[in-house]
Protein backbone atom coordinates (compact mmCIF):
# COMPACT_ATOMS: atom_id res chain seq x y z
CA MET A 1 3.09 5.25 -17.63
CA PRO A 2 0.40 7.67 -18.94
CA VAL A 3 -1.27 4.73 -20.72
CA CYS A 4 -1.22 2.65 -17.52
CA PHE A 5 -2.76 5.55 -15.61
CA ALA A 6 -5.36 6.16 -18.32
CA VAL A 7 -6.43 2.52 -18.44
CA MET A 8 -6.91 2.38 -14.67
CA MET A 9 -8.62 5.77 -14.56
CA ARG A 10 -10.99 5.02 -17.40
CA THR A 11 -11.94 1.62 -16.03
CA LEU A 12 -12.73 3.04 -12.59
CA VAL A 13 -14.46 6.24 -13.68
CA ASP A 14 -16.50 4.51 -16.40
CA ALA A 15 -17.65 1.88 -13.93
CA PHE A 16 -18.34 4.38 -11.14
CA PRO A 17 -19.03 7.88 -12.52
CA GLY A 18 -18.19 10.61 -10.02
CA LEU A 19 -15.74 8.47 -8.04
CA LYS A 20 -12.85 10.45 -6.51
CA VAL A 21 -9.59 8.90 -7.70
CA ILE A 22 -6.20 10.27 -6.63
CA SER A 23 -3.07 9.10 -8.40
CA GLU A 24 0.67 9.68 -8.64
CA GLU A 25 0.35 9.92 -12.39
CA HIS A 26 -2.45 12.49 -12.24
CA ASP A 27 -2.66 14.63 -15.36
CA ASP A 28 -5.65 16.95 -15.81
CA ALA A 29 -5.53 16.81 -19.59
CA LEU A 30 -5.15 13.04 -19.62
CA GLU A 31 -7.91 12.55 -17.07
CA ALA A 32 -10.25 14.83 -19.03
CA HIS A 33 -9.64 12.81 -22.17
CA HIS A 34 -9.40 9.33 -20.64
CA THR A 35 -12.12 8.14 -23.03
CA SER A 36 -9.57 8.29 -25.85
CA VAL A 37 -7.86 5.22 -24.41
CA TYR A 38 -9.60 2.06 -25.52
CA VAL A 39 -9.81 -0.58 -22.82
CA GLY A 40 -12.81 -2.50 -24.09
CA PRO A 41 -16.16 -2.74 -22.32
CA VAL A 42 -16.03 -2.36 -18.55
CA ASP A 43 -16.62 -5.73 -16.90
CA LYS A 44 -18.34 -5.30 -13.55
CA THR A 45 -18.48 -9.04 -12.92
CA CYS A 46 -17.13 -9.79 -9.48
CA PRO A 47 -14.24 -12.30 -9.49
CA SER A 48 -15.33 -15.66 -8.13
CA ASP A 49 -12.92 -15.66 -5.18
CA VAL A 50 -14.10 -12.20 -4.10
CA LEU A 51 -17.74 -13.17 -4.51
CA ALA A 52 -17.18 -16.29 -2.42
CA ALA A 53 -15.64 -14.25 0.40
CA ILE A 54 -17.98 -11.25 0.13
CA PRO A 55 -21.33 -12.47 -1.21
CA TYR A 56 -23.28 -9.29 -0.38
CA ASP A 57 -22.85 -5.73 -1.62
CA THR A 58 -22.09 -2.86 0.73
CA LYS A 59 -23.61 0.50 -0.16
CA ILE A 60 -21.36 3.50 0.46
CA PRO A 61 -22.20 7.13 -0.38
CA LEU A 62 -19.95 8.17 -3.25
CA ASP A 63 -18.78 11.32 -1.51
CA HIS A 64 -17.52 9.21 1.42
CA LEU A 65 -15.23 7.16 -0.83
CA GLN A 66 -11.69 7.91 -2.00
CA LEU A 67 -9.49 5.70 -4.18
CA TRP A 68 -5.72 6.20 -4.17
CA ILE A 69 -4.06 4.42 -7.08
CA ASP A 70 -0.44 3.82 -8.01
CA PRO A 71 -0.15 2.46 -11.57
CA LEU A 72 3.51 1.52 -11.07
CA ASP A 73 4.99 1.34 -7.59
CA ALA A 74 8.81 0.91 -7.46
CA THR A 75 9.42 2.90 -10.64
CA GLN A 76 13.18 3.05 -10.05
CA GLU A 77 13.38 -0.72 -9.65
CA TYR A 78 11.34 -1.13 -12.83
CA THR A 79 13.96 0.85 -14.75
CA GLU A 80 16.67 -1.37 -13.21
CA ASP A 81 14.81 -4.53 -14.27
CA LEU A 82 14.24 -5.50 -10.62
CA LEU A 83 10.71 -6.51 -11.48
CA ASP A 84 9.91 -8.51 -8.36
CA TYR A 85 9.64 -5.21 -6.47
CA VAL A 86 7.07 -3.74 -8.89
CA THR A 87 3.40 -3.59 -7.93
CA THR A 88 0.21 -1.90 -9.05
CA MET A 89 -2.00 -0.67 -6.21
CA VAL A 90 -5.54 0.49 -5.58
CA GLY A 91 -6.28 1.73 -2.06
CA ILE A 92 -9.81 2.26 -0.75
CA ALA A 93 -10.61 4.84 1.92
CA ILE A 94 -13.94 5.77 3.48
CA LYS A 95 -14.04 9.23 5.06
CA GLY A 96 -10.25 9.28 4.98
CA ARG A 97 -9.64 5.91 6.66
CA ALA A 98 -8.10 3.04 4.71
CA VAL A 99 -10.44 0.05 4.69
CA GLY A 100 -9.21 -2.12 1.85
CA GLY A 101 -7.44 -2.39 -1.44
CA VAL A 102 -5.55 -4.44 -3.97
CA ILE A 103 -1.82 -5.01 -4.42
CA HIS A 104 -1.01 -6.71 -7.71
CA LYS A 105 2.43 -8.11 -8.61
CA PRO A 106 2.34 -8.03 -12.43
CA PHE A 107 5.68 -9.79 -12.85
CA ALA A 108 5.25 -12.51 -10.20
CA THR A 109 5.86 -16.07 -11.36
CA ALA A 110 3.58 -17.87 -8.90
CA ALA A 111 -0.01 -17.37 -10.07
CA ASN A 112 -1.51 -17.80 -6.62
CA LYS A 113 0.66 -15.03 -5.20
CA LYS A 114 0.09 -12.33 -7.81
CA ILE A 115 -2.92 -10.52 -6.35
CA PHE A 116 -3.52 -9.61 -2.71
CA TRP A 117 -6.85 -7.99 -1.82
CA ALA A 118 -8.83 -7.21 1.31
CA TRP A 119 -11.90 -5.36 2.57
CA LYS A 120 -12.01 -4.71 6.31
CA ASP A 121 -14.70 -6.73 8.13
CA GLN A 122 -15.79 -8.24 4.81
CA GLY A 123 -13.13 -10.58 3.40
CA ILE A 124 -9.52 -11.11 2.35
CA SER A 125 -7.75 -13.07 -0.37
CA GLU A 126 -6.69 -16.64 0.37
CA ASN A 127 -3.00 -15.72 0.26
CA LEU A 128 -3.50 -13.38 3.22
CA LYS A 129 -5.19 -15.86 5.53
CA ASN A 130 -1.98 -17.06 7.16
CA SER A 131 -0.51 -13.67 8.00
CA SER A 132 1.84 -14.44 10.86
CA PRO A 133 5.23 -12.77 11.42
CA PRO A 134 8.47 -14.77 11.43
CA ASN A 135 9.73 -15.76 14.87
CA GLU A 136 13.22 -17.08 14.16
CA SER A 137 14.59 -13.52 14.04
CA LEU A 138 13.34 -9.94 13.91
CA LYS A 139 13.18 -8.97 10.24
CA ILE A 140 12.84 -5.28 9.44
CA ILE A 141 12.21 -4.35 5.82
CA ILE A 142 13.25 -0.85 4.74
CA SER A 143 13.81 1.26 1.62
CA ARG A 144 16.76 0.40 -0.62
CA SER A 145 17.56 4.08 -1.11
CA HIS A 146 16.41 5.87 2.07
CA SER A 147 17.39 3.72 5.04
CA GLY A 148 18.38 6.66 7.25
CA ASN A 149 19.58 5.56 10.70
CA VAL A 150 17.16 2.63 10.90
CA ASP A 151 19.87 -0.02 11.25
CA GLU A 152 21.61 1.65 14.20
CA THR A 153 18.34 2.46 15.97
CA ALA A 154 16.98 -1.06 15.54
CA ARG A 155 20.11 -2.70 16.85
CA THR A 156 20.03 -0.45 19.91
CA ALA A 157 16.31 -0.94 20.55
CA PHE A 158 16.47 -4.72 20.15
CA ALA A 159 19.91 -5.39 21.58
CA GLY A 160 20.46 -9.09 22.22
CA GLN A 161 17.94 -10.22 19.61
CA THR A 162 18.80 -11.77 16.28
CA LEU A 163 18.10 -8.97 13.82
CA GLU A 164 17.95 -8.84 10.03
CA ILE A 165 17.62 -5.62 8.03
CA ILE A 166 16.14 -6.22 4.56
CA PRO A 167 16.54 -3.45 1.95
CA ALA A 168 13.81 -3.56 -0.71
CA GLY A 169 12.05 -1.38 -3.26
CA GLY A 170 8.42 -0.32 -3.39
CA ALA A 171 5.94 0.19 -0.57
CA GLY A 172 3.64 -2.45 -2.05
CA TYR A 173 6.35 -5.10 -2.15
CA LYS A 174 7.51 -4.35 1.39
CA THR A 175 3.95 -4.53 2.71
CA VAL A 176 3.35 -7.88 1.01
CA GLU A 177 6.50 -9.21 2.67
CA VAL A 178 5.03 -8.23 6.06
CA LEU A 179 1.57 -9.56 5.21
CA THR A 180 2.92 -12.94 4.12
CA GLY A 181 5.20 -13.45 7.12
CA ARG A 182 8.56 -12.84 5.48
CA ALA A 183 9.20 -9.68 7.53
CA ASN A 184 8.02 -8.52 10.95
CA VAL A 185 7.79 -4.81 10.26
CA TYR A 186 8.04 -2.34 7.39
CA LEU A 187 9.78 0.82 8.51
CA HIS A 188 10.14 4.04 6.51
CA THR A 189 11.65 7.19 7.99
CA THR A 190 11.28 9.77 5.22
CA LYS A 191 8.41 11.49 3.44
CA ILE A 192 6.23 9.26 1.28
CA LYS A 193 3.17 9.83 -0.92
CA LYS A 194 -0.21 8.54 0.22
CA TRP A 195 -0.88 6.57 -2.98
CA ASP A 196 2.06 4.42 -1.85
CA LEU A 197 0.33 3.77 1.47
CA CYS A 198 -3.44 3.57 1.09
CA ALA A 199 -3.61 0.03 -0.32
CA PRO A 200 -0.98 -1.31 2.13
CA ASN A 201 -2.81 0.41 4.99
CA GLY A 202 -6.17 -1.01 3.92
CA LEU A 203 -4.85 -4.56 3.65
CA LEU A 204 -3.12 -4.38 7.02
CA ASN A 205 -6.24 -3.00 8.69
CA ALA A 206 -8.27 -5.84 7.17
CA VAL A 207 -6.02 -8.59 8.57
CA GLY A 208 -5.82 -7.06 12.03
CA GLY A 209 -2.50 -5.32 11.55
CA ARG A 210 -1.72 -1.64 11.52
CA LEU A 211 0.08 1.01 9.50
CA SER A 212 0.82 4.35 11.15
CA THR A 213 3.30 7.19 11.27
CA LEU A 214 6.42 6.79 13.41
CA ALA A 215 4.51 8.52 16.21
CA GLY A 216 1.71 5.96 15.99
CA THR A 217 -0.90 8.26 14.45
CA GLU A 218 -3.23 7.23 11.62
CA VAL A 219 -2.63 8.41 8.06
CA ASP A 220 -5.51 10.52 6.71
CA TYR A 221 -6.61 9.65 3.15
CA THR A 222 -9.22 12.37 2.77
CA ALA A 223 -9.20 13.71 -0.79
CA PRO A 224 -6.41 16.34 -1.06
CA VAL A 225 -7.23 20.05 -1.24
CA VAL A 226 -3.70 21.29 -1.88
CA ALA A 227 -0.63 19.56 -3.32
CA ASN A 228 1.01 18.85 0.05
CA ASP A 229 -2.05 16.90 1.19
CA VAL A 230 -0.81 13.89 -0.80
CA ILE A 231 2.38 13.66 1.28
CA ASN A 232 2.73 11.71 4.52
CA THR A 233 5.52 13.45 6.42
CA GLY A 234 5.46 11.27 9.52
CA GLY A 235 7.24 8.14 8.30
CA VAL A 236 5.75 4.64 8.38
CA ILE A 237 5.56 1.69 10.75
CA ALA A 238 3.58 -1.24 9.35
CA ALA A 239 3.16 -4.61 11.05
CA VAL A 240 0.70 -7.47 11.40
CA ALA A 241 1.54 -7.88 15.10
CA ASP A 242 3.33 -5.96 17.89
CA HIS A 243 2.83 -2.59 16.22
CA ALA A 244 2.86 -0.68 19.53
CA THR A 245 6.20 -2.28 20.42
CA TYR A 246 7.76 -0.96 17.23
CA VAL A 247 6.33 2.54 17.77
CA THR A 248 8.03 2.64 21.16
CA ALA A 249 11.28 1.16 19.87
CA PHE A 250 11.60 3.57 16.96
CA SER A 251 10.35 6.69 18.74
CA THR A 252 13.72 8.41 18.27
CA LEU A 253 13.56 8.27 14.48
CA ASN A 254 12.62 11.39 12.54
CA ALA A 255 10.77 11.67 9.26
CA ALA A 256 12.26 14.67 7.57
CA LYS A 257 14.04 14.08 4.27
CA PRO A 258 12.04 13.80 1.04
CA SER A 259 11.58 10.34 -0.46
CA ARG A 260 10.45 9.04 -3.82
């Protein structure tokens, strides 16, 4: 993991000196000596699909920009060899608001589904252009290990509807399932770190969806001042459509217990 963090950190900081990068795998000593990790020359060439969608540069003051990176989301699932859940994420925030990012599935088998990227009001990857929720049943995707009382609450709130609860690992994976129409809503009721959320939040904002706390408030991605600033304590509701409906339906849930 330190090598994965160092490669991402060096690539970003070498390409954009002074950029504020916040990561789960943050290590002051490692960050200070990231140049000891050889990653080859930094290639600033824009990928052709991104260039086609976003042909013009956008200038942003460096002190307005925050990057939240997760070198290995779904660490537990990685150790269990459940590799489909594993993602690598880079979230982009401007003045604390998520505006874009990248979710990469390093172990995906379908090449055209490996990388999902978006930049709000600028462009999105081709595999996000048909983001429409399923309509045959209400599919709620939740954590494999911290489901809380989601099942009971959902069945009460949506009584009479065909409902499917889908346990899964990794915030990145669950968000991709929502973005690609395989789930209606991603629901998380416990504490979660912001590097797990910034990229998902940015992608959802870019496609017209929304990610919020259980109370419907925005998550703030301003660079942390103290350790607790990296924690979102309000839970998560993420959806491409009908977000307000889910906020109302799940208003009785509480985000209290710690989560990985």
